[in-house]
Amino acid sequence: MDDDLELFFKDLGATVKQTVELAWGVEENCFSAVQDAMVGMPWIAELNSKAQSCVEQQFDAGRHYADKLSHTKDFRELMRIQTEAWQSGLIAFQNQATVLGNAYAKVVADVVNPLAKAA
């Protein structure tokens, strides 16, 4: 029974990791496309770079979560890992919202200030 449970969690971790890697490939292509399309607009490139950094952090957290899942021994440990993942995810979300909010505010200021001076 313990071997079956161990195999279940190992497979679950591998499945989560594969899903994270697959999603990362899609996201990476999207960010590259935006970067290439907006060469003439450096303010978009900067905002895109900040957003890409935030997404990379989320994918790293997903890989870490998958690794922990693959070493889980029982459902109690699964619940602990899940709770930790939710808590750290919320903290990361708050931090990333601040980073993206500040970057967006800078972009708006950089665009509006020259317009205000010209008027």
PDB file of N, CA and C in Angstrom:
ATOM      1  N   MET A   1       0.822  -1.198   0.000  1.00  0.00           N
ATOM      2  CA  MET A   1       0.000   0.000   0.000  1.00  0.00           C
ATOM      3  C   MET A   1       0.864   1.259   0.000  1.00  0.00           C
ATOM      4  N   ASP A   2       1.901   1.286   0.836  1.00  0.00           N
ATOM      5  CA  ASP A   2       2.769   2.457   0.878  1.00  0.00           C
ATOM      6  C   ASP A   2       3.484   2.678  -0.445  1.00  0.00           C
ATOM      7  N   ASP A   3       3.857   1.573  -1.117  1.00  0.00           N
ATOM      8  CA  ASP A   3       4.519   1.704  -2.418  1.00  0.00           C
ATOM      9  C   ASP A   3       3.578   2.315  -3.453  1.00  0.00           C
ATOM     10  N   ASP A   4       2.291   1.919  -3.395  1.00  0.00           N
ATOM     11  CA  ASP A   4       1.306   2.475  -4.319  1.00  0.00           C
ATOM     12  C   ASP A   4       1.121   3.969  -4.084  1.00  0.00           C
ATOM     13  N   LEU A   5       1.054   4.366  -2.822  1.00  0.00           N
ATOM     14  CA  LEU A   5       0.892   5.777  -2.476  1.00  0.00           C
ATOM     15  C   LEU A   5       2.124   6.574  -2.892  1.00  0.00           C
ATOM     16  N   GLU A   6       3.296   6.018  -2.668  1.00  0.00           N
ATOM     17  CA  GLU A   6       4.533   6.691  -3.059  1.00  0.00           C
ATOM     18  C   GLU A   6       4.584   6.868  -4.576  1.00  0.00           C
ATOM     19  N   LEU A   7       4.186   5.832  -5.311  1.00  0.00           N
ATOM     20  CA  LEU A   7       4.155   5.917  -6.766  1.00  0.00           C
ATOM     21  C   LEU A   7       3.125   6.946  -7.237  1.00  0.00           C
ATOM     22  N   PHE A   8       1.980   6.988  -6.552  1.00  0.00           N
ATOM     23  CA  PHE A   8       0.941   7.973  -6.883  1.00  0.00           C
ATOM     24  C   PHE A   8       1.491   9.390  -6.779  1.00  0.00           C
ATOM     25  N   PHE A   9       2.159   9.704  -5.663  1.00  0.00           N
ATOM     26  CA  PHE A   9       2.680  11.063  -5.478  1.00  0.00           C
ATOM     27  C   PHE A   9       3.830  11.356  -6.436  1.00  0.00           C
ATOM     28  N   LYS A  10       4.641  10.364  -6.735  1.00  0.00           N
ATOM     29  CA  LYS A  10       5.730  10.563  -7.692  1.00  0.00           C
ATOM     30  C   LYS A  10       5.146  10.878  -9.074  1.00  0.00           C
ATOM     31  N   ASP A  11       4.116  10.123  -9.472  1.00  0.00           N
ATOM     32  CA  ASP A  11       3.460  10.384 -10.755  1.00  0.00           C
ATOM     33  C   ASP A  11       2.756  11.739 -10.760  1.00  0.00           C
ATOM     34  N   LEU A  12       2.112  12.086  -9.655  1.00  0.00           N
ATOM     35  CA  LEU A  12       1.438  13.376  -9.542  1.00  0.00           C
ATOM     36  C   LEU A  12       2.447  14.512  -9.703  1.00  0.00           C
ATOM     37  N   GLY A  13       3.579  14.406  -9.014  1.00  0.00           N
ATOM     38  CA  GLY A  13       4.626  15.425  -9.134  1.00  0.00           C
ATOM     39  C   GLY A  13       5.152  15.537 -10.549  1.00  0.00           C
ATOM     40  N   ALA A  14       5.354  14.388 -11.202  1.00  0.00           N
ATOM     41  CA  ALA A  14       5.849  14.398 -12.583  1.00  0.00           C
ATOM     42  C   ALA A  14       4.833  15.031 -13.528  1.00  0.00           C
ATOM     43  N   THR A  15       3.557  14.747 -13.303  1.00  0.00           N
ATOM     44  CA  THR A  15       2.503  15.327 -14.137  1.00  0.00           C
ATOM     45  C   THR A  15       2.429  16.838 -13.965  1.00  0.00           C
ATOM     46  N   VAL A  16       2.502  17.297 -12.719  1.00  0.00           N
ATOM     47  CA  VAL A  16       2.474  18.744 -12.454  1.00  0.00           C
ATOM     48  C   VAL A  16       3.684  19.414 -13.102  1.00  0.00           C
ATOM     49  N   LYS A  17       4.849  18.799 -12.953  1.00  0.00           N
ATOM     50  CA  LYS A  17       6.062  19.382 -13.535  1.00  0.00           C
ATOM     51  C   LYS A  17       5.960  19.453 -15.057  1.00  0.00           C
ATOM     52  N   GLN A  18       5.445  18.401 -15.674  1.00  0.00           N
ATOM     53  CA  GLN A  18       5.284  18.396 -17.132  1.00  0.00           C
ATOM     54  C   GLN A  18       4.311  19.490 -17.574  1.00  0.00           C
ATOM     55  N   THR A  19       3.248  19.677 -16.820  1.00  0.00           N
ATOM     56  CA  THR A  19       2.266  20.717 -17.140  1.00  0.00           C
ATOM     57  C   THR A  19       2.884  22.105 -17.014  1.00  0.00           C
ATOM     58  N   VAL A  20       3.663  22.303 -15.963  1.00  0.00           N
ATOM     59  CA  VAL A  20       4.333  23.595 -15.762  1.00  0.00           C
ATOM     60  C   VAL A  20       5.293  23.874 -16.923  1.00  0.00           C
ATOM     61  N   GLU A  21       6.063  22.887 -17.317  1.00  0.00           N
ATOM     62  CA  GLU A  21       7.024  23.075 -18.403  1.00  0.00           C
ATOM     63  C   GLU A  21       6.318  23.368 -19.730  1.00  0.00           C
ATOM     64  N   LEU A  22       5.221  22.687 -19.969  1.00  0.00           N
ATOM     65  CA  LEU A  22       4.452  22.915 -21.185  1.00  0.00           C
ATOM     66  C   LEU A  22       3.904  24.341 -21.217  1.00  0.00           C
ATOM     67  N   ALA A  23       3.330  24.764 -20.098  1.00  0.00           N
ATOM     68  CA  ALA A  23       2.783  26.126 -20.009  1.00  0.00           C
ATOM     69  C   ALA A  23       3.891  27.162 -20.146  1.00  0.00           C
ATOM     70  N   TRP A  24       5.055  26.882 -19.590  1.00  0.00           N
ATOM     71  CA  TRP A  24       6.165  27.827 -19.681  1.00  0.00           C
ATOM     72  C   TRP A  24       6.575  28.044 -21.132  1.00  0.00           C
ATOM     73  N   GLY A  25       6.579  26.984 -21.925  1.00  0.00           N
ATOM     74  CA  GLY A  25       6.919  27.131 -23.341  1.00  0.00           C
ATOM     75  C   GLY A  25       5.962  28.067 -24.052  1.00  0.00           C
ATOM     76  N   VAL A  26       4.689  27.967 -23.760  1.00  0.00           N
ATOM     77  CA  VAL A  26       3.686  28.843 -24.363  1.00  0.00           C
ATOM     78  C   VAL A  26       3.905  30.284 -23.909  1.00  0.00           C
ATOM     79  N   GLU A  27       4.087  30.489 -22.616  1.00  0.00           N
ATOM     80  CA  GLU A  27       4.298  31.837 -22.084  1.00  0.00           C
ATOM     81  C   GLU A  27       5.552  32.478 -22.665  1.00  0.00           C
ATOM     82  N   GLU A  28       6.608  31.709 -22.753  1.00  0.00           N
ATOM     83  CA  GLU A  28       7.863  32.238 -23.286  1.00  0.00           C
ATOM     84  C   GLU A  28       7.674  32.720 -24.724  1.00  0.00           C
ATOM     85  N   ASN A  29       6.930  31.956 -25.520  1.00  0.00           N
ATOM     86  CA  ASN A  29       6.648  32.367 -26.892  1.00  0.00           C
ATOM     87  C   ASN A  29       5.829  33.650 -26.936  1.00  0.00           C
ATOM     88  N   CYS A  30       4.869  33.785 -26.037  1.00  0.00           N
ATOM     89  CA  CYS A  30       4.041  35.006 -25.994  1.00  0.00           C
ATOM     90  C   CYS A  30       4.882  36.227 -25.659  1.00  0.00           C
ATOM     91  N   PHE A  31       5.739  36.112 -24.646  1.00  0.00           N
ATOM     92  CA  PHE A  31       6.572  37.253 -24.267  1.00  0.00           C
ATOM     93  C   PHE A  31       7.551  37.613 -25.377  1.00  0.00           C
ATOM     94  N   SER A  32       8.083  36.627 -26.062  1.00  0.00           N
ATOM     95  CA  SER A  32       8.993  36.904 -27.178  1.00  0.00           C
ATOM     96  C   SER A  32       8.262  37.633 -28.297  1.00  0.00           C
ATOM     97  N   ALA A  33       7.040  37.213 -28.579  1.00  0.00           N
ATOM     98  CA  ALA A  33       6.260  37.860 -29.635  1.00  0.00           C
ATOM     99  C   ALA A  33       5.975  39.318 -29.288  1.00  0.00           C
ATOM    100  N   VAL A  34       5.598  39.578 -28.047  1.00  0.00           N
ATOM    101  CA  VAL A  34       5.341  40.967 -27.625  1.00  0.00           C
ATOM    102  C   VAL A  34       6.618  41.781 -27.739  1.00  0.00           C
ATOM    103  N   GLN A  35       7.720  41.226 -27.269  1.00  0.00           N
ATOM    104  CA  GLN A  35       9.006  41.933 -27.313  1.00  0.00           C
ATOM    105  C   GLN A  35       9.374  42.281 -28.756  1.00  0.00           C
ATOM    106  N   ASP A  36       9.209  41.328 -29.659  1.00  0.00           N
ATOM    107  CA  ASP A  36       9.550  41.563 -31.070  1.00  0.00           C
ATOM    108  C   ASP A  36       8.613  42.578 -31.723  1.00  0.00           C
ATOM    109  N   ALA A  37       7.340  42.524 -31.373  1.00  0.00           N
ATOM    110  CA  ALA A  37       6.351  43.405 -31.996  1.00  0.00           C
ATOM    111  C   ALA A  37       6.470  44.848 -31.517  1.00  0.00           C
ATOM    112  N   MET A  38       6.994  45.060 -30.353  1.00  0.00           N
ATOM    113  CA  MET A  38       7.017  46.395 -29.762  1.00  0.00           C
ATOM    114  C   MET A  38       8.416  47.008 -29.685  1.00  0.00           C
ATOM    115  N   VAL A  39       9.263  46.672 -30.638  1.00  0.00           N
ATOM    116  CA  VAL A  39      10.635  47.171 -30.633  1.00  0.00           C
ATOM    117  C   VAL A  39      10.679  48.693 -30.575  1.00  0.00           C
ATOM    118  N   GLY A  40       9.787  49.353 -31.263  1.00  0.00           N
ATOM    119  CA  GLY A  40       9.789  50.816 -31.309  1.00  0.00           C
ATOM    120  C   GLY A  40       9.164  51.473 -30.091  1.00  0.00           C
ATOM    121  N   MET A  41       8.690  50.692 -29.159  1.00  0.00           N
ATOM    122  CA  MET A  41       8.061  51.238 -27.956  1.00  0.00           C
ATOM    123  C   MET A  41       8.763  50.698 -26.714  1.00  0.00           C
ATOM    124  N   PRO A  42       9.842  51.344 -26.301  1.00  0.00           N
ATOM    125  CA  PRO A  42      10.627  50.816 -25.184  1.00  0.00           C
ATOM    126  C   PRO A  42       9.839  50.703 -23.885  1.00  0.00           C
ATOM    127  N   TRP A  43       8.831  51.527 -23.708  1.00  0.00           N
ATOM    128  CA  TRP A  43       8.038  51.451 -22.483  1.00  0.00           C
ATOM    129  C   TRP A  43       7.261  50.138 -22.408  1.00  0.00           C
ATOM    130  N   ILE A  44       6.810  49.606 -23.544  1.00  0.00           N
ATOM    131  CA  ILE A  44       6.144  48.293 -23.570  1.00  0.00           C
ATOM    132  C   ILE A  44       7.165  47.209 -23.266  1.00  0.00           C
ATOM    133  N   ALA A  45       8.358  47.341 -23.823  1.00  0.00           N
ATOM    134  CA  ALA A  45       9.402  46.345 -23.596  1.00  0.00           C
ATOM    135  C   ALA A  45       9.748  46.245 -22.113  1.00  0.00           C
ATOM    136  N   GLU A  46       9.833  47.388 -21.443  1.00  0.00           N
ATOM    137  CA  GLU A  46      10.160  47.385 -20.013  1.00  0.00           C
ATOM    138  C   GLU A  46       9.046  46.733 -19.196  1.00  0.00           C
ATOM    139  N   LEU A  47       7.828  47.071 -19.491  1.00  0.00           N
ATOM    140  CA  LEU A  47       6.687  46.481 -18.795  1.00  0.00           C
ATOM    141  C   LEU A  47       6.615  44.985 -19.077  1.00  0.00           C
ATOM    142  N   ASN A  48       6.852  44.605 -20.318  1.00  0.00           N
ATOM    143  CA  ASN A  48       6.867  43.196 -20.703  1.00  0.00           C
ATOM    144  C   ASN A  48       7.952  42.437 -19.941  1.00  0.00           C
ATOM    145  N   SER A  49       9.107  43.048 -19.797  1.00  0.00           N
ATOM    146  CA  SER A  49      10.209  42.425 -19.075  1.00  0.00           C
ATOM    147  C   SER A  49       9.850  42.177 -17.609  1.00  0.00           C
ATOM    148  N   LYS A  50       9.217  43.176 -16.977  1.00  0.00           N
ATOM    149  CA  LYS A  50       8.780  43.020 -15.576  1.00  0.00           C
ATOM    150  C   LYS A  50       7.741  41.907 -15.457  1.00  0.00           C
ATOM    151  N   ALA A  51       6.801  41.886 -16.385  1.00  0.00           N
ATOM    152  CA  ALA A  51       5.759  40.849 -16.354  1.00  0.00           C
ATOM    153  C   ALA A  51       6.378  39.472 -16.568  1.00  0.00           C
ATOM    154  N   GLN A  52       7.325  39.382 -17.482  1.00  0.00           N
ATOM    155  CA  GLN A  52       7.981  38.104 -17.746  1.00  0.00           C
ATOM    156  C   GLN A  52       8.733  37.628 -16.501  1.00  0.00           C
ATOM    157  N   SER A  53       9.373  38.521 -15.794  1.00  0.00           N
ATOM    158  CA  SER A  53      10.068  38.156 -14.563  1.00  0.00           C
ATOM    159  C   SER A  53       9.097  37.588 -13.524  1.00  0.00           C
ATOM    160  N   CYS A  54       7.937  38.214 -13.408  1.00  0.00           N
ATOM    161  CA  CYS A  54       6.915  37.726 -12.472  1.00  0.00           C
ATOM    162  C   CYS A  54       6.427  36.336 -12.872  1.00  0.00           C
ATOM    163  N   VAL A  55       6.214  36.140 -14.153  1.00  0.00           N
ATOM    164  CA  VAL A  55       5.755  34.835 -14.635  1.00  0.00           C
ATOM    165  C   VAL A  55       6.826  33.773 -14.399  1.00  0.00           C
ATOM    166  N   GLU A  56       8.083  34.123 -14.634  1.00  0.00           N
ATOM    167  CA  GLU A  56       9.172  33.180 -14.381  1.00  0.00           C
ATOM    168  C   GLU A  56       9.196  32.758 -12.916  1.00  0.00           C
ATOM    169  N   GLN A  57       8.963  33.702 -12.012  1.00  0.00           N
ATOM    170  CA  GLN A  57       8.907  33.369 -10.585  1.00  0.00           C
ATOM    171  C   GLN A  57       7.784  32.376 -10.307  1.00  0.00           C
ATOM    172  N   GLN A  58       6.646  32.571 -10.954  1.00  0.00           N
ATOM    173  CA  GLN A  58       5.519  31.653 -10.755  1.00  0.00           C
ATOM    174  C   GLN A  58       5.835  30.255 -11.284  1.00  0.00           C
ATOM    175  N   PHE A  59       6.491  30.188 -12.423  1.00  0.00           N
ATOM    176  CA  PHE A  59       6.847  28.886 -12.966  1.00  0.00           C
ATOM    177  C   PHE A  59       7.898  28.193 -12.102  1.00  0.00           C
ATOM    178  N   ASP A  60       8.841  28.949 -11.571  1.00  0.00           N
ATOM    179  CA  ASP A  60       9.813  28.363 -10.649  1.00  0.00           C
ATOM    180  C   ASP A  60       9.110  27.801  -9.415  1.00  0.00           C
ATOM    181  N   ALA A  61       8.131  28.534  -8.919  1.00  0.00           N
ATOM    182  CA  ALA A  61       7.355  28.052  -7.767  1.00  0.00           C
ATOM    183  C   ALA A  61       6.593  26.779  -8.138  1.00  0.00           C
ATOM    184  N   GLY A  62       6.070  26.725  -9.353  1.00  0.00           N
ATOM    185  CA  GLY A  62       5.379  25.525  -9.817  1.00  0.00           C
ATOM    186  C   GLY A  62       6.301  24.322  -9.911  1.00  0.00           C
ATOM    187  N   ARG A  63       7.505  24.544 -10.393  1.00  0.00           N
ATOM    188  CA  ARG A  63       8.489  23.447 -10.463  1.00  0.00           C
ATOM    189  C   ARG A  63       8.856  22.963  -9.066  1.00  0.00           C
ATOM    190  N   HIS A  64       9.035  23.902  -8.150  1.00  0.00           N
ATOM    191  CA  HIS A  64       9.367  23.557  -6.764  1.00  0.00           C
ATOM    192  C   HIS A  64       8.227  22.753  -6.135  1.00  0.00           C
ATOM    193  N   TYR A  65       7.010  23.177  -6.375  1.00  0.00           N
ATOM    194  CA  TYR A  65       5.818  22.484  -5.869  1.00  0.00           C
ATOM    195  C   TYR A  65       5.759  21.062  -6.433  1.00  0.00           C
ATOM    196  N   ALA A  66       6.004  20.912  -7.727  1.00  0.00           N
ATOM    197  CA  ALA A  66       5.985  19.590  -8.355  1.00  0.00           C
ATOM    198  C   ALA A  66       7.047  18.682  -7.754  1.00  0.00           C
ATOM    199  N   ASP A  67       8.218  19.252  -7.494  1.00  0.00           N
ATOM    200  CA  ASP A  67       9.290  18.463  -6.880  1.00  0.00           C
ATOM    201  C   ASP A  67       8.881  17.988  -5.487  1.00  0.00           C
ATOM    202  N   LYS A  68       8.293  18.885  -4.707  1.00  0.00           N
ATOM    203  CA  LYS A  68       7.840  18.494  -3.369  1.00  0.00           C
ATOM    204  C   LYS A  68       6.762  17.412  -3.444  1.00  0.00           C
ATOM    205  N   LEU A  69       5.845  17.559  -4.401  1.00  0.00           N
ATOM    206  CA  LEU A  69       4.785  16.556  -4.552  1.00  0.00           C
ATOM    207  C   LEU A  69       5.354  15.175  -4.837  1.00  0.00           C
ATOM    208  N   SER A  70       6.379  15.134  -5.660  1.00  0.00           N
ATOM    209  CA  SER A  70       6.937  13.840  -6.053  1.00  0.00           C
ATOM    210  C   SER A  70       7.633  13.120  -4.900  1.00  0.00           C
ATOM    211  N   HIS A  71       7.909  13.829  -3.810  1.00  0.00           N
ATOM    212  CA  HIS A  71       8.542  13.217  -2.637  1.00  0.00           C
ATOM    213  C   HIS A  71       7.583  13.065  -1.453  1.00  0.00           C
ATOM    214  N   THR A  72       6.316  13.347  -1.681  1.00  0.00           N
ATOM    215  CA  THR A  72       5.313  13.265  -0.625  1.00  0.00           C
ATOM    216  C   THR A  72       5.072  11.805  -0.250  1.00  0.00           C
ATOM    217  N   LYS A  73       4.860  11.569   1.038  1.00  0.00           N
ATOM    218  CA  LYS A  73       4.659  10.198   1.522  1.00  0.00           C
ATOM    219  C   LYS A  73       3.210   9.883   1.872  1.00  0.00           C
ATOM    220  N   ASP A  74       2.430  10.909   2.245  1.00  0.00           N
ATOM    221  CA  ASP A  74       1.042  10.642   2.634  1.00  0.00           C
ATOM    222  C   ASP A  74       0.194  11.889   2.409  1.00  0.00           C
ATOM    223  N   PHE A  75      -1.114  11.741   2.627  1.00  0.00           N
ATOM    224  CA  PHE A  75      -2.031  12.852   2.352  1.00  0.00           C
ATOM    225  C   PHE A  75      -1.885  13.988   3.358  1.00  0.00           C
ATOM    226  N   ARG A  76      -1.454  13.703   4.562  1.00  0.00           N
ATOM    227  CA  ARG A  76      -1.212  14.770   5.545  1.00  0.00           C
ATOM    228  C   ARG A  76      -0.088  15.680   5.051  1.00  0.00           C
ATOM    229  N   GLU A  77       0.966  15.061   4.547  1.00  0.00           N
ATOM    230  CA  GLU A  77       2.079  15.847   4.000  1.00  0.00           C
ATOM    231  C   GLU A  77       1.627  16.616   2.753  1.00  0.00           C
ATOM    232  N   LEU A  78       0.780  15.998   1.947  1.00  0.00           N
ATOM    233  CA  LEU A  78       0.231  16.673   0.772  1.00  0.00           C
ATOM    234  C   LEU A  78      -0.510  17.943   1.185  1.00  0.00           C
ATOM    235  N   MET A  79      -1.319  17.854   2.226  1.00  0.00           N
ATOM    236  CA  MET A  79      -2.069  19.026   2.689  1.00  0.00           C
ATOM    237  C   MET A  79      -1.128  20.122   3.202  1.00  0.00           C
ATOM    238  N   ARG A  80      -0.067  19.733   3.878  1.00  0.00           N
ATOM    239  CA  ARG A  80       0.916  20.709   4.365  1.00  0.00           C
ATOM    240  C   ARG A  80       1.591  21.409   3.186  1.00  0.00           C
ATOM    241  N   ILE A  81       1.997  20.629   2.190  1.00  0.00           N
ATOM    242  CA  ILE A  81       2.657  21.187   1.009  1.00  0.00           C
ATOM    243  C   ILE A  81       1.699  22.116   0.262  1.00  0.00           C
ATOM    244  N   GLN A  82       0.444  21.691   0.143  1.00  0.00           N
ATOM    245  CA  GLN A  82      -0.557  22.504  -0.548  1.00  0.00           C
ATOM    246  C   GLN A  82      -0.782  23.824   0.183  1.00  0.00           C
ATOM    247  N   THR A  83      -0.879  23.769   1.511  1.00  0.00           N
ATOM    248  CA  THR A  83      -1.074  24.982   2.306  1.00  0.00           C
ATOM    249  C   THR A  83       0.110  25.932   2.156  1.00  0.00           C
ATOM    250  N   GLU A  84       1.314  25.390   2.224  1.00  0.00           N
ATOM    251  CA  GLU A  84       2.512  26.217   2.044  1.00  0.00           C
ATOM    252  C   GLU A  84       2.537  26.855   0.654  1.00  0.00           C
ATOM    253  N   ALA A  85       2.141  26.085  -0.347  1.00  0.00           N
ATOM    254  CA  ALA A  85       2.139  26.605  -1.722  1.00  0.00           C
ATOM    255  C   ALA A  85       1.145  27.754  -1.853  1.00  0.00           C
ATOM    256  N   TRP A  86      -0.036  27.612  -1.269  1.00  0.00           N
ATOM    257  CA  TRP A  86      -1.035  28.685  -1.326  1.00  0.00           C
ATOM    258  C   TRP A  86      -0.539  29.929  -0.606  1.00  0.00           C
ATOM    259  N   GLN A  87       0.043  29.738   0.576  1.00  0.00           N
ATOM    260  CA  GLN A  87       0.527  30.889   1.348  1.00  0.00           C
ATOM    261  C   GLN A  87       1.646  31.617   0.613  1.00  0.00           C
ATOM    262  N   SER A  88       2.615  30.868   0.121  1.00  0.00           N
ATOM    263  CA  SER A  88       3.721  31.527  -0.586  1.00  0.00           C
ATOM    264  C   SER A  88       3.235  32.131  -1.905  1.00  0.00           C
ATOM    265  N   GLY A  89       2.246  31.508  -2.529  1.00  0.00           N
ATOM    266  CA  GLY A  89       1.680  32.063  -3.748  1.00  0.00           C
ATOM    267  C   GLY A  89       0.991  33.390  -3.524  1.00  0.00           C
ATOM    268  N   LEU A  90       0.278  33.499  -2.416  1.00  0.00           N
ATOM    269  CA  LEU A  90      -0.388  34.776  -2.104  1.00  0.00           C
ATOM    270  C   LEU A  90       0.618  35.880  -1.821  1.00  0.00           C
ATOM    271  N   ILE A  91       1.667  35.541  -1.104  1.00  0.00           N
ATOM    272  CA  ILE A  91       2.719  36.528  -0.815  1.00  0.00           C
ATOM    273  C   ILE A  91       3.390  36.964  -2.115  1.00  0.00           C
ATOM    274  N   ALA A  92       3.702  35.998  -2.971  1.00  0.00           N
ATOM    275  CA  ALA A  92       4.323  36.320  -4.264  1.00  0.00           C
ATOM    276  C   ALA A  92       3.397  37.189  -5.104  1.00  0.00           C
ATOM    277  N   PHE A  93       2.113  36.875  -5.095  1.00  0.00           N
ATOM    278  CA  PHE A  93       1.142  37.665  -5.854  1.00  0.00           C
ATOM    279  C   PHE A  93       1.129  39.116  -5.372  1.00  0.00           C
ATOM    280  N   GLN A  94       1.146  39.319  -4.069  1.00  0.00           N
ATOM    281  CA  GLN A  94       1.164  40.682  -3.520  1.00  0.00           C
ATOM    282  C   GLN A  94       2.417  41.424  -3.971  1.00  0.00           C
ATOM    283  N   ASN A  95       3.556  40.761  -3.870  1.00  0.00           N
ATOM    284  CA  ASN A  95       4.814  41.401  -4.272  1.00  0.00           C
ATOM    285  C   ASN A  95       4.836  41.714  -5.764  1.00  0.00           C
ATOM    286  N   GLN A  96       4.350  40.784  -6.555  1.00  0.00           N
ATOM    287  CA  GLN A  96       4.351  40.989  -7.997  1.00  0.00           C
ATOM    288  C   GLN A  96       3.349  42.059  -8.416  1.00  0.00           C
ATOM    289  N   ALA A  97       2.240  42.136  -7.723  1.00  0.00           N
ATOM    290  CA  ALA A  97       1.268  43.201  -8.014  1.00  0.00           C
ATOM    291  C   ALA A  97       1.898  44.559  -7.756  1.00  0.00           C
ATOM    292  N   THR A  98       2.690  44.665  -6.709  1.00  0.00           N
ATOM    293  CA  THR A  98       3.387  45.916  -6.404  1.00  0.00           C
ATOM    294  C   THR A  98       4.403  46.244  -7.497  1.00  0.00           C
ATOM    295  N   VAL A  99       5.188  45.251  -7.885  1.00  0.00           N
ATOM    296  CA  VAL A  99       6.209  45.455  -8.928  1.00  0.00           C
ATOM    297  C   VAL A  99       5.550  45.890 -10.241  1.00  0.00           C
ATOM    298  N   LEU A 100       4.505  45.183 -10.641  1.00  0.00           N
ATOM    299  CA  LEU A 100       3.838  45.520 -11.903  1.00  0.00           C
ATOM    300  C   LEU A 100       3.099  46.856 -11.807  1.00  0.00           C
ATOM    301  N   GLY A 101       2.518  47.139 -10.656  1.00  0.00           N
ATOM    302  CA  GLY A 101       1.851  48.428 -10.471  1.00  0.00           C
ATOM    303  C   GLY A 101       2.830  49.584 -10.582  1.00  0.00           C
ATOM    304  N   ASN A 102       3.989  49.435  -9.964  1.00  0.00           N
ATOM    305  CA  ASN A 102       5.019  50.472 -10.047  1.00  0.00           C
ATOM    306  C   ASN A 102       5.537  50.629 -11.481  1.00  0.00           C
ATOM    307  N   ALA A 103       5.733  49.505 -12.154  1.00  0.00           N
ATOM    308  CA  ALA A 103       6.210  49.560 -13.542  1.00  0.00           C
ATOM    309  C   ALA A 103       5.167  50.229 -14.439  1.00  0.00           C
ATOM    310  N   TYR A 104       3.912  49.898 -14.227  1.00  0.00           N
ATOM    311  CA  TYR A 104       2.842  50.509 -15.019  1.00  0.00           C
ATOM    312  C   TYR A 104       2.764  52.014 -14.751  1.00  0.00           C
ATOM    313  N   ALA A 105       2.874  52.402 -13.478  1.00  0.00           N
ATOM    314  CA  ALA A 105       2.837  53.824 -13.124  1.00  0.00           C
ATOM    315  C   ALA A 105       3.997  54.571 -13.792  1.00  0.00           C
ATOM    316  N   LYS A 106       5.163  53.947 -13.845  1.00  0.00           N
ATOM    317  CA  LYS A 106       6.320  54.568 -14.496  1.00  0.00           C
ATOM    318  C   LYS A 106       6.073  54.721 -15.997  1.00  0.00           C
ATOM    319  N   VAL A 107       5.500  53.692 -16.611  1.00  0.00           N
ATOM    320  CA  VAL A 107       5.196  53.761 -18.045  1.00  0.00           C
ATOM    321  C   VAL A 107       4.227  54.894 -18.327  1.00  0.00           C
ATOM    322  N   VAL A 108       3.186  54.993 -17.533  1.00  0.00           N
ATOM    323  CA  VAL A 108       2.196  56.059 -17.728  1.00  0.00           C
ATOM    324  C   VAL A 108       2.851  57.425 -17.563  1.00  0.00           C
ATOM    325  N   ALA A 109       3.674  57.563 -16.517  1.00  0.00           N
ATOM    326  CA  ALA A 109       4.354  58.847 -16.287  1.00  0.00           C
ATOM    327  C   ALA A 109       5.288  59.184 -17.447  1.00  0.00           C
ATOM    328  N   ASP A 110       6.010  58.182 -17.950  1.00  0.00           N
ATOM    329  CA  ASP A 110       6.935  58.415 -19.069  1.00  0.00           C
ATOM    330  C   ASP A 110       6.204  58.824 -20.339  1.00  0.00           C
ATOM    331  N   VAL A 111       4.991  58.326 -20.534  1.00  0.00           N
ATOM    332  CA  VAL A 111       4.217  58.665 -21.719  1.00  0.00           C
ATOM    333  C   VAL A 111       3.505  60.005 -21.546  1.00  0.00           C
ATOM    334  N   VAL A 112       2.963  60.248 -20.372  1.00  0.00           N
ATOM    335  CA  VAL A 112       2.153  61.456 -20.126  1.00  0.00           C
ATOM    336  C   VAL A 112       3.030  62.689 -19.964  1.00  0.00           C
ATOM    337  N   ASN A 113       4.161  62.586 -19.295  1.00  0.00           N
ATOM    338  CA  ASN A 113       5.006  63.757 -19.048  1.00  0.00           C
ATOM    339  C   ASN A 113       5.434  64.492 -20.325  1.00  0.00           C
ATOM    340  N   PRO A 114       5.923  63.802 -21.341  1.00  0.00           N
ATOM    341  CA  PRO A 114       6.268  64.527 -22.577  1.00  0.00           C
ATOM    342  C   PRO A 114       5.049  65.168 -23.242  1.00  0.00           C
ATOM    343  N   LEU A 115       3.904  64.500 -23.145  1.00  0.00           N
ATOM    344  CA  LEU A 115       2.684  65.076 -23.725  1.00  0.00           C
ATOM    345  C   LEU A 115       2.273  66.341 -22.993  1.00  0.00           C
ATOM    346  N   ALA A 116       2.406  66.330 -21.663  1.00  0.00           N
ATOM    347  CA  ALA A 116       2.036  67.489 -20.851  1.00  0.00           C
ATOM    348  C   ALA A 116       2.968  68.660 -21.130  1.00  0.00           C
ATOM    349  N   LYS A 117       4.243  68.370 -21.325  1.00  0.00           N
ATOM    350  CA  LYS A 117       5.228  69.430 -21.609  1.00  0.00           C
ATOM    351  C   LYS A 117       4.989  70.036 -22.980  1.00  0.00           C
ATOM    352  N   ALA A 118       4.532  69.224 -23.929  1.00  0.00           N
ATOM    353  CA  ALA A 118       4.311  69.698 -25.293  1.00  0.00           C
ATOM    354  C   ALA A 118       3.072  70.582 -25.385  1.00  0.00           C
ATOM    355  N   ALA A 119       2.140  70.396 -24.460  1.00  0.00           N
ATOM    356  CA  ALA A 119       0.869  71.148 -24.531  1.00  0.00           C
ATOM    357  C   ALA A 119       0.990  72.526 -24.022  1.00  0.00           C
TER     358      ALA A 119
END
